[in-house]
């Protein structure tokens, strides 16, 4: 088996869901990170994301994204990040958020 291959049983452990960005804030002392509040359908979550050089706050507000919900929380610049949003990065360093191609209910599972 090639290195890095993931079995289906491991993939199903990931809880990826559709979420909506409802608030974007600067973090004191962080030049790359935003504090982002998400509506995940069943409540709200807070994450930190290094998107400042790619997106303005107004561009992110209201955006529907894919959220990695069951990633272990970690502290970043004094803020507990409760998961991670998904984004793609090109070889040129361009960063683009991953979002559903059509409108779908917030909290829907990606699989």
N, C-alpha and C. Protein backbone atom coordinates (compact mmCIF):
# COMPACT_ATOMS: atom_id res chain seq x y z
N UNK A 1 0.85 -1.18 0.00
CA UNK A 1 0.00 0.00 0.00
C UNK A 1 0.90 1.24 0.00
N UNK A 2 0.56 2.21 -0.82
CA UNK A 2 1.34 3.44 -0.92
C UNK A 2 1.24 4.26 0.37
N UNK A 3 2.32 4.94 0.69
CA UNK A 3 2.35 5.78 1.89
C UNK A 3 1.33 6.91 1.74
N UNK A 4 0.60 7.20 2.81
CA UNK A 4 -0.37 8.28 2.78
C UNK A 4 -1.76 7.87 2.36
N UNK A 5 -1.95 6.61 1.99
CA UNK A 5 -3.28 6.13 1.60
C UNK A 5 -4.13 6.01 2.86
N UNK A 6 -5.36 6.49 2.77
CA UNK A 6 -6.29 6.46 3.91
C UNK A 6 -7.38 5.44 3.61
N UNK A 7 -7.65 4.59 4.57
CA UNK A 7 -8.72 3.61 4.42
C UNK A 7 -10.07 4.29 4.68
N UNK A 8 -11.12 3.74 4.10
CA UNK A 8 -12.46 4.30 4.23
C UNK A 8 -12.86 4.45 5.69
N UNK A 9 -12.52 3.47 6.54
CA UNK A 9 -12.89 3.56 7.95
C UNK A 9 -12.26 4.77 8.62
N UNK A 10 -11.06 5.19 8.16
CA UNK A 10 -10.42 6.39 8.70
C UNK A 10 -11.09 7.66 8.18
N UNK A 11 -11.43 7.68 6.90
CA UNK A 11 -12.11 8.83 6.30
C UNK A 11 -13.44 9.10 7.01
N UNK A 12 -14.16 8.06 7.38
CA UNK A 12 -15.47 8.25 8.00
C UNK A 12 -15.38 8.81 9.42
N UNK A 13 -14.17 8.86 10.00
CA UNK A 13 -13.98 9.48 11.31
C UNK A 13 -14.04 11.00 11.24
N UNK A 14 -13.79 11.55 10.05
CA UNK A 14 -13.81 13.01 9.88
C UNK A 14 -15.25 13.51 9.81
N UNK A 15 -15.55 14.54 10.59
CA UNK A 15 -16.87 15.14 10.53
C UNK A 15 -16.74 16.49 9.82
N UNK A 16 -16.99 16.46 8.52
CA UNK A 16 -16.96 17.66 7.70
C UNK A 16 -18.39 18.10 7.47
N UNK A 17 -18.68 19.37 7.78
CA UNK A 17 -20.04 19.86 7.63
C UNK A 17 -20.06 21.23 6.95
N UNK A 18 -21.22 21.58 6.44
CA UNK A 18 -21.44 22.90 5.85
C UNK A 18 -21.70 23.89 6.99
N UNK A 19 -20.98 25.01 6.96
CA UNK A 19 -21.12 26.04 7.99
C UNK A 19 -21.16 27.42 7.34
N UNK A 20 -21.67 28.37 8.09
CA UNK A 20 -21.74 29.75 7.59
C UNK A 20 -20.97 30.67 8.53
N UNK A 21 -20.12 31.50 7.96
CA UNK A 21 -19.37 32.47 8.74
C UNK A 21 -20.30 33.59 9.16
N UNK A 22 -20.42 33.82 10.48
CA UNK A 22 -21.33 34.84 10.97
C UNK A 22 -20.62 36.03 11.63
N UNK A 23 -19.33 35.86 11.93
CA UNK A 23 -18.57 36.97 12.49
C UNK A 23 -17.07 36.74 12.25
N UNK A 24 -16.38 37.83 11.90
CA UNK A 24 -14.95 37.78 11.66
C UNK A 24 -14.31 38.90 12.47
N UNK A 25 -13.33 38.55 13.31
CA UNK A 25 -12.68 39.53 14.17
C UNK A 25 -11.16 39.42 14.06
N UNK A 26 -10.50 40.55 14.27
CA UNK A 26 -9.05 40.52 14.38
C UNK A 26 -8.68 39.94 15.74
N UNK A 27 -7.50 39.36 15.82
CA UNK A 27 -6.96 38.86 17.08
C UNK A 27 -5.76 39.73 17.43
N UNK A 28 -5.79 40.28 18.62
CA UNK A 28 -4.70 41.15 19.05
C UNK A 28 -3.36 40.43 18.96
N UNK A 29 -2.40 41.05 18.28
CA UNK A 29 -1.06 40.48 18.16
C UNK A 29 -0.92 39.44 17.06
N UNK A 30 -1.96 39.21 16.28
CA UNK A 30 -1.90 38.21 15.20
C UNK A 30 -1.98 38.92 13.85
N UNK A 31 -0.90 38.82 13.07
CA UNK A 31 -0.91 39.50 11.78
C UNK A 31 -1.48 38.66 10.65
N UNK A 32 -1.72 37.37 10.88
CA UNK A 32 -2.26 36.49 9.83
C UNK A 32 -3.61 35.89 10.18
N UNK A 33 -3.92 35.82 11.48
CA UNK A 33 -5.11 35.09 11.94
C UNK A 33 -6.34 35.96 12.13
N UNK A 34 -7.49 35.40 11.79
CA UNK A 34 -8.79 35.95 12.17
C UNK A 34 -9.42 35.00 13.19
N UNK A 35 -10.22 35.56 14.07
CA UNK A 35 -11.11 34.78 14.92
C UNK A 35 -12.44 34.76 14.17
N UNK A 36 -12.93 33.57 13.85
CA UNK A 36 -14.13 33.42 13.03
C UNK A 36 -15.18 32.64 13.81
N UNK A 37 -16.39 33.21 13.86
CA UNK A 37 -17.52 32.51 14.48
C UNK A 37 -18.36 31.90 13.37
N UNK A 38 -18.68 30.62 13.54
CA UNK A 38 -19.44 29.87 12.55
C UNK A 38 -20.80 29.46 13.08
N UNK A 39 -21.81 29.48 12.22
CA UNK A 39 -23.09 28.83 12.47
C UNK A 39 -22.95 27.45 11.85
N UNK A 40 -23.08 26.40 12.68
CA UNK A 40 -22.94 25.04 12.14
C UNK A 40 -24.28 24.30 12.12
N UNK A 41 -25.36 25.03 12.28
CA UNK A 41 -26.69 24.42 12.26
C UNK A 41 -27.17 24.05 13.65
N UNK A 42 -26.34 23.35 14.40
CA UNK A 42 -26.71 22.93 15.75
C UNK A 42 -26.18 23.90 16.81
N UNK A 43 -25.56 24.97 16.39
CA UNK A 43 -24.99 25.94 17.32
C UNK A 43 -23.91 26.76 16.66
N UNK A 44 -23.05 27.33 17.47
CA UNK A 44 -21.95 28.15 16.96
C UNK A 44 -20.62 27.57 17.42
N UNK A 45 -19.59 27.77 16.62
CA UNK A 45 -18.23 27.37 16.95
C UNK A 45 -17.29 28.52 16.59
N UNK A 46 -16.15 28.55 17.28
CA UNK A 46 -15.12 29.54 17.03
C UNK A 46 -13.88 28.85 16.48
N UNK A 47 -13.33 29.41 15.41
CA UNK A 47 -12.08 28.90 14.87
C UNK A 47 -11.14 30.07 14.62
N UNK A 48 -9.87 29.77 14.49
CA UNK A 48 -8.87 30.73 14.05
C UNK A 48 -8.40 30.29 12.67
N UNK A 49 -8.26 31.24 11.77
CA UNK A 49 -7.84 30.90 10.41
C UNK A 49 -6.86 31.95 9.90
N UNK A 50 -5.77 31.49 9.31
CA UNK A 50 -4.73 32.37 8.78
C UNK A 50 -5.08 32.86 7.38
N UNK A 51 -6.10 33.72 7.31
CA UNK A 51 -6.61 34.17 6.02
C UNK A 51 -6.43 35.66 5.74
N UNK A 52 -5.83 36.40 6.66
CA UNK A 52 -5.77 37.86 6.51
C UNK A 52 -5.14 38.32 5.21
N UNK A 53 -4.11 37.63 4.74
CA UNK A 53 -3.45 38.08 3.51
C UNK A 53 -4.23 37.70 2.24
N UNK A 54 -5.28 36.89 2.39
CA UNK A 54 -6.05 36.42 1.24
C UNK A 54 -7.47 36.96 1.18
N UNK A 55 -8.07 37.26 2.34
CA UNK A 55 -9.46 37.70 2.41
C UNK A 55 -9.60 38.84 3.41
N UNK A 56 -10.39 39.83 3.04
CA UNK A 56 -10.79 40.86 3.99
C UNK A 56 -11.94 40.34 4.83
N UNK A 57 -12.17 40.96 5.98
CA UNK A 57 -13.26 40.53 6.86
C UNK A 57 -14.60 40.57 6.15
N UNK A 58 -14.83 41.63 5.37
CA UNK A 58 -16.12 41.77 4.68
C UNK A 58 -16.33 40.69 3.62
N UNK A 59 -15.26 40.18 3.03
CA UNK A 59 -15.37 39.09 2.05
C UNK A 59 -15.79 37.78 2.70
N UNK A 60 -15.37 37.58 3.94
CA UNK A 60 -15.65 36.33 4.64
C UNK A 60 -17.03 36.31 5.29
N UNK A 61 -17.49 37.46 5.75
CA UNK A 61 -18.77 37.53 6.47
C UNK A 61 -19.91 37.01 5.60
N UNK A 62 -20.62 36.00 6.10
CA UNK A 62 -21.77 35.42 5.39
C UNK A 62 -21.40 34.29 4.44
N UNK A 63 -20.13 34.02 4.27
CA UNK A 63 -19.68 32.98 3.34
C UNK A 63 -20.02 31.58 3.89
N UNK A 64 -20.45 30.70 3.03
CA UNK A 64 -20.74 29.31 3.38
C UNK A 64 -19.50 28.49 3.03
N UNK A 65 -19.03 27.71 3.98
CA UNK A 65 -17.77 26.98 3.83
C UNK A 65 -17.93 25.54 4.31
N UNK A 66 -16.85 24.78 4.17
CA UNK A 66 -16.80 23.42 4.71
C UNK A 66 -15.94 23.47 5.97
N UNK A 67 -16.45 22.90 7.05
CA UNK A 67 -15.84 22.97 8.38
C UNK A 67 -15.48 21.58 8.88
N UNK A 68 -14.26 21.42 9.34
CA UNK A 68 -13.77 20.17 9.94
C UNK A 68 -14.09 20.27 11.43
N UNK A 69 -15.22 19.67 11.83
CA UNK A 69 -15.78 19.86 13.16
C UNK A 69 -15.05 19.10 14.26
N UNK A 70 -14.64 17.88 14.02
CA UNK A 70 -14.09 17.07 15.11
C UNK A 70 -12.57 17.06 15.16
N UNK A 71 -11.94 18.11 14.68
CA UNK A 71 -10.51 18.30 14.87
C UNK A 71 -10.30 18.73 16.33
N UNK A 72 -9.31 18.16 16.98
CA UNK A 72 -9.04 18.51 18.38
C UNK A 72 -8.81 20.01 18.53
N UNK A 73 -9.46 20.66 19.52
CA UNK A 73 -9.27 22.10 19.73
C UNK A 73 -7.82 22.41 20.09
N UNK A 74 -7.40 23.64 19.77
CA UNK A 74 -6.07 24.10 20.19
C UNK A 74 -6.09 25.60 20.38
N UNK A 75 -5.23 26.07 21.25
CA UNK A 75 -5.12 27.49 21.54
C UNK A 75 -4.23 28.17 20.51
N UNK A 76 -4.72 29.29 19.99
CA UNK A 76 -3.96 30.08 19.02
C UNK A 76 -4.09 31.55 19.43
N UNK A 77 -2.97 32.15 19.83
CA UNK A 77 -2.95 33.56 20.24
C UNK A 77 -4.01 33.85 21.30
N UNK A 78 -4.19 32.91 22.22
CA UNK A 78 -5.13 33.11 23.32
C UNK A 78 -6.58 32.78 23.01
N UNK A 79 -6.85 32.28 21.80
CA UNK A 79 -8.22 31.93 21.39
C UNK A 79 -8.26 30.42 21.14
N UNK A 80 -9.29 29.75 21.69
CA UNK A 80 -9.44 28.32 21.42
C UNK A 80 -10.08 28.13 20.04
N UNK A 81 -9.35 27.49 19.15
CA UNK A 81 -9.85 27.18 17.82
C UNK A 81 -10.49 25.80 17.87
N UNK A 82 -11.78 25.74 17.56
CA UNK A 82 -12.58 24.53 17.71
C UNK A 82 -12.83 23.86 16.36
N UNK A 83 -11.77 23.58 15.64
CA UNK A 83 -11.90 22.97 14.32
C UNK A 83 -11.14 23.76 13.28
N UNK A 84 -11.50 23.55 12.01
CA UNK A 84 -10.77 24.18 10.93
C UNK A 84 -11.67 24.28 9.70
N UNK A 85 -11.52 25.37 8.95
CA UNK A 85 -12.22 25.44 7.68
C UNK A 85 -11.34 24.86 6.60
N UNK A 86 -11.93 24.44 5.49
CA UNK A 86 -11.15 23.85 4.41
C UNK A 86 -10.89 24.89 3.32
N UNK A 87 -9.66 24.88 2.84
CA UNK A 87 -9.24 25.79 1.77
C UNK A 87 -8.24 25.05 0.89
N UNK A 88 -8.12 25.51 -0.34
CA UNK A 88 -7.13 24.96 -1.26
C UNK A 88 -6.03 25.99 -1.46
N UNK A 89 -4.78 25.52 -1.62
CA UNK A 89 -3.67 26.42 -1.89
C UNK A 89 -2.95 25.97 -3.15
N UNK A 90 -2.79 26.89 -4.09
CA UNK A 90 -2.11 26.57 -5.34
C UNK A 90 -0.60 26.58 -5.13
N UNK A 91 0.13 26.10 -6.12
CA UNK A 91 1.59 26.13 -6.05
C UNK A 91 2.11 27.56 -6.01
N UNK A 92 1.32 28.51 -6.52
CA UNK A 92 1.70 29.92 -6.51
C UNK A 92 1.37 30.59 -5.17
N UNK A 93 0.75 29.84 -4.26
CA UNK A 93 0.41 30.39 -2.96
C UNK A 93 -0.95 31.05 -2.87
N UNK A 94 -1.78 30.90 -3.90
CA UNK A 94 -3.14 31.43 -3.85
C UNK A 94 -3.97 30.53 -2.94
N UNK A 95 -4.81 31.14 -2.10
CA UNK A 95 -5.65 30.39 -1.17
C UNK A 95 -7.11 30.70 -1.48
N UNK A 96 -7.91 29.63 -1.61
CA UNK A 96 -9.33 29.75 -1.92
C UNK A 96 -10.11 28.85 -0.97
N UNK A 97 -11.15 29.40 -0.35
CA UNK A 97 -12.00 28.60 0.54
C UNK A 97 -12.80 27.58 -0.25
N UNK A 98 -13.04 26.44 0.37
CA UNK A 98 -13.86 25.39 -0.23
C UNK A 98 -15.30 25.60 0.24
N UNK A 99 -16.22 25.65 -0.71
CA UNK A 99 -17.62 25.85 -0.37
C UNK A 99 -18.51 25.02 -1.29
N UNK A 100 -19.75 24.74 -0.87
CA UNK A 100 -20.66 23.95 -1.70
C UNK A 100 -20.98 24.69 -3.00
N UNK A 101 -21.19 23.94 -4.07
CA UNK A 101 -21.48 24.56 -5.37
C UNK A 101 -22.93 25.07 -5.46
N UNK A 102 -23.83 24.51 -4.65
CA UNK A 102 -25.22 24.93 -4.62
C UNK A 102 -25.61 25.22 -3.18
N UNK A 103 -26.74 25.90 -3.03
CA UNK A 103 -27.24 26.18 -1.68
C UNK A 103 -27.67 24.87 -1.02
N UNK A 104 -27.27 24.71 0.24
CA UNK A 104 -27.62 23.51 1.01
C UNK A 104 -27.73 23.92 2.48
N UNK A 105 -28.50 23.18 3.23
CA UNK A 105 -28.75 23.50 4.64
C UNK A 105 -27.46 23.53 5.45
N UNK A 106 -27.33 24.56 6.29
CA UNK A 106 -26.19 24.67 7.18
C UNK A 106 -26.24 23.47 8.14
N UNK A 107 -25.10 22.85 8.37
CA UNK A 107 -25.02 21.66 9.22
C UNK A 107 -25.03 20.36 8.42
N UNK A 108 -25.27 20.45 7.10
CA UNK A 108 -25.26 19.24 6.27
C UNK A 108 -23.89 18.59 6.29
N UNK A 109 -23.86 17.28 6.34
CA UNK A 109 -22.61 16.53 6.41
C UNK A 109 -22.02 16.34 5.01
N UNK A 110 -20.72 16.48 4.93
CA UNK A 110 -19.98 16.25 3.68
C UNK A 110 -19.44 14.83 3.74
N UNK A 111 -19.62 14.07 2.68
CA UNK A 111 -19.15 12.70 2.71
C UNK A 111 -18.92 12.15 1.34
